[in-house]
Amino acid sequence: MEHLMSKEEIRKKLKTNFMMGLTEEEAKERLRQNGKNRLEDKKKESIIIKFLKQFNDFMIIILIIASVISGVMAKIDGTGDYIESIIIIAIVVFNAIMGLIQENKAEKSLEALQKMSAPVCKVVRNGKQCVIPGEDVVVGDIVILEARKLCTSGLQIDRKQ
C-alpha cells in the first residue's frame, strides 16, 4: 500500500532523507540487517545428477535398449559375443561424459559473464550521488533513475547532454 502513502509517510517509514539519502553507516547497517539485494542462487545439482540427466534423451534410451537386446540375443544364441553390446554402452557412456564436460564449461562461462556484467545503481548517499553495485542497494536508498535511448547502432546515449 506504499503507493497510496504521502511522501512524508514514506520518508518516516523508510527513515530516510530525500535530499541527503542515507549515510554510509546507515546503509551498512541496513545491508547487515537485510542482506544483499539479490535473488537466491539456485541450488546446484550434484555431478552424479548431471551425469544421469545425460541419459534422459530418446535416442540414448533407444541405444541402451538396443545394447540390452544385443546382449540378450548373444546369451540366447550361446555365442557369448557381447562385443556389440559393450561398444554401444561405451559410446553412450562416452557421450554422457562429453555432455557433462560441455555442460560444466557452459555453466562456468555463464557465471564468469554474470560477474563481468554485474549491474550497478546510482544512489544518493551522504548528500552525494554515487554508483554502487546493485546488490548493495538497501531499503531507504534514494535511487537516481535516468532515461537512456538506444540508437539504431545499439549504442546508448545519455539524455543529459
Protein backbone atom coordinates (compact mmCIF):
# COMPACT_ATOMS: atom_id res chain seq x y z
CA MET A 1 0.00 0.00 0.00
CA GLU A 2 3.05 2.28 -0.16
CA HIS A 3 1.80 3.70 -3.45
CA LEU A 4 -1.08 5.33 -1.53
CA MET A 5 1.15 6.94 1.10
CA SER A 6 2.28 10.56 1.08
CA LYS A 7 5.97 11.46 0.66
CA GLU A 8 6.21 12.32 4.33
CA GLU A 9 4.71 8.97 5.38
CA ILE A 10 7.18 7.14 3.12
CA ARG A 11 10.10 9.18 4.47
CA LYS A 12 9.14 8.33 8.05
CA LYS A 13 8.51 4.67 7.31
CA LEU A 14 11.84 4.20 5.48
CA LYS A 15 13.72 6.50 7.87
CA THR A 16 15.47 8.31 5.05
CA ASN A 17 16.16 11.83 3.82
CA PHE A 18 15.07 12.61 0.26
CA MET A 19 17.80 15.21 -0.27
CA MET A 20 20.75 13.66 1.57
CA GLY A 21 19.90 9.96 1.23
CA LEU A 22 21.30 7.52 3.74
CA THR A 23 24.67 7.86 5.42
CA GLU A 24 27.25 5.18 4.69
CA GLU A 25 26.88 3.90 8.26
CA GLU A 26 23.07 3.61 7.92
CA ALA A 27 23.43 1.82 4.59
CA LYS A 28 25.98 -0.64 6.01
CA GLU A 29 23.73 -1.36 9.00
CA ARG A 30 20.69 -1.95 6.77
CA LEU A 31 22.76 -4.16 4.48
CA ARG A 32 23.86 -6.18 7.51
CA GLN A 33 20.27 -6.47 8.78
CA ASN A 34 18.53 -7.25 5.49
CA GLY A 35 21.27 -8.89 3.46
CA LYS A 36 22.28 -8.34 -0.15
CA ASN A 37 19.75 -7.16 -2.72
CA ARG A 38 19.88 -10.19 -4.98
CA LEU A 39 17.92 -13.26 -5.89
CA GLU A 40 18.71 -16.52 -4.16
CA ASP A 41 21.11 -18.63 -6.15
CA LYS A 42 19.59 -21.81 -7.45
CA LYS A 43 20.98 -24.87 -5.70
CA LYS A 44 23.48 -26.55 -7.99
CA GLU A 45 22.92 -30.14 -8.97
CA SER A 46 25.48 -32.74 -8.00
CA ILE A 47 27.73 -34.11 -10.70
CA ILE A 48 26.02 -37.51 -10.41
CA ILE A 49 22.59 -35.99 -11.12
CA LYS A 50 24.02 -34.06 -14.07
CA PHE A 51 25.59 -37.28 -15.38
CA LEU A 52 22.33 -39.23 -15.06
CA LYS A 53 20.44 -36.45 -16.86
CA GLN A 54 22.66 -37.06 -19.87
CA PHE A 55 20.77 -40.33 -20.40
CA ASN A 56 17.40 -38.55 -20.49
CA ASP A 57 17.16 -38.47 -24.27
CA PHE A 58 15.02 -40.58 -26.59
CA MET A 59 17.92 -41.69 -28.84
CA ILE A 60 20.13 -42.57 -25.87
CA ILE A 61 17.35 -44.70 -24.40
CA ILE A 62 16.94 -46.45 -27.78
CA LEU A 63 20.69 -47.19 -27.86
CA ILE A 64 20.60 -48.63 -24.33
CA ILE A 65 17.63 -50.83 -25.27
CA ALA A 66 19.47 -51.95 -28.42
CA SER A 67 22.50 -52.82 -26.31
CA VAL A 68 20.39 -54.87 -23.90
CA ILE A 69 18.66 -56.67 -26.78
CA SER A 70 22.01 -57.39 -28.41
CA GLY A 71 23.36 -58.80 -25.13
CA VAL A 72 20.25 -60.94 -24.59
CA MET A 73 20.43 -62.26 -28.14
CA ALA A 74 24.11 -63.15 -27.69
CA LYS A 75 23.20 -65.04 -24.50
CA ILE A 76 20.28 -66.88 -26.15
CA ASP A 77 22.40 -67.84 -29.18
CA GLY A 78 25.08 -69.12 -26.86
CA THR A 79 27.77 -67.33 -28.87
CA GLY A 80 28.88 -65.20 -25.94
CA ASP A 81 29.65 -62.40 -28.40
CA TYR A 82 28.85 -59.36 -26.29
CA ILE A 83 31.16 -57.03 -28.20
CA GLU A 84 28.30 -55.10 -29.87
CA SER A 85 26.58 -54.52 -26.53
CA ILE A 86 29.80 -53.35 -24.94
CA ILE A 87 30.58 -50.98 -27.83
CA ILE A 88 27.09 -49.44 -27.75
CA ILE A 89 27.24 -48.92 -23.95
CA ALA A 90 30.77 -47.50 -24.23
CA ILE A 91 29.60 -44.98 -26.84
CA VAL A 92 26.61 -43.98 -24.71
CA VAL A 93 28.78 -43.51 -21.59
CA PHE A 94 31.41 -41.58 -23.59
CA ASN A 95 28.64 -39.35 -24.97
CA ALA A 96 27.33 -38.72 -21.43
CA ILE A 97 30.82 -37.80 -20.18
CA MET A 98 31.35 -35.38 -23.07
CA GLY A 99 27.92 -33.82 -22.46
CA LEU A 100 28.74 -33.40 -18.77
CA ILE A 101 32.05 -31.71 -19.55
CA GLN A 102 30.41 -29.34 -22.03
CA GLU A 103 27.63 -28.50 -19.57
CA ASN A 104 30.15 -27.69 -16.83
CA LYS A 105 32.16 -25.47 -19.19
CA ALA A 106 28.99 -23.63 -20.23
CA GLU A 107 27.97 -23.06 -16.59
CA LYS A 108 31.40 -21.67 -15.71
CA SER A 109 31.34 -19.37 -18.75
CA LEU A 110 27.88 -18.12 -17.79
CA GLU A 111 28.97 -17.45 -14.21
CA ALA A 112 32.00 -15.51 -15.47
CA LEU A 113 29.79 -13.43 -17.77
CA GLN A 114 27.39 -12.66 -14.92
CA LYS A 115 30.27 -11.45 -12.74
CA MET A 116 31.59 -9.26 -15.56
CA SER A 117 28.23 -7.65 -16.24
CA ALA A 118 27.20 -7.04 -12.64
CA PRO A 119 24.55 -4.29 -12.59
CA VAL A 120 25.27 -1.02 -10.84
CA CYS A 121 22.94 1.59 -9.42
CA LYS A 122 23.22 5.35 -8.89
CA VAL A 123 22.06 6.38 -5.40
CA VAL A 124 22.29 9.38 -3.09
CA ARG A 125 24.49 8.70 -0.07
CA ASN A 126 25.71 11.39 2.33
CA GLY A 127 24.16 14.01 0.04
CA LYS A 128 26.23 12.92 -2.98
CA GLN A 129 25.39 10.78 -5.97
CA CYS A 130 27.46 7.63 -6.13
CA VAL A 131 27.46 4.43 -8.15
CA ILE A 132 27.26 1.22 -6.14
CA PRO A 133 26.78 -2.46 -7.03
CA GLY A 134 23.08 -3.24 -7.46
CA GLU A 135 23.26 -5.86 -4.73
CA ASP A 136 24.28 -3.15 -2.20
CA VAL A 137 21.07 -1.10 -2.63
CA VAL A 138 19.17 -1.07 0.67
CA VAL A 139 15.72 -0.08 1.86
CA GLY A 140 15.66 3.71 2.15
CA ASP A 141 18.24 4.41 -0.56
CA ILE A 142 17.32 7.25 -2.90
CA VAL A 143 17.82 5.74 -6.36
CA ILE A 144 18.55 8.03 -9.31
CA LEU A 145 16.78 6.92 -12.49
CA GLU A 146 17.99 8.10 -15.88
CA ALA A 147 16.38 7.73 -19.27
CA ARG A 148 18.63 6.26 -21.94
CA LYS A 149 17.88 5.97 -25.60
CA LEU A 150 19.26 3.24 -27.82
CA CYS A 151 20.38 4.30 -31.29
CA THR A 152 19.86 2.06 -34.26
CA SER A 153 23.52 1.08 -33.87
CA GLY A 154 22.76 -0.21 -30.35
CA LEU A 155 24.85 2.44 -28.55
CA GLN A 156 23.41 4.19 -25.52
CA ILE A 157 23.06 7.96 -25.47
CA ASP A 158 22.74 9.89 -22.23
CA ARG A 159 19.83 12.31 -22.22
CA LYS A 160 21.78 14.76 -20.03
CA GLN A 161 23.77 16.20 -22.98
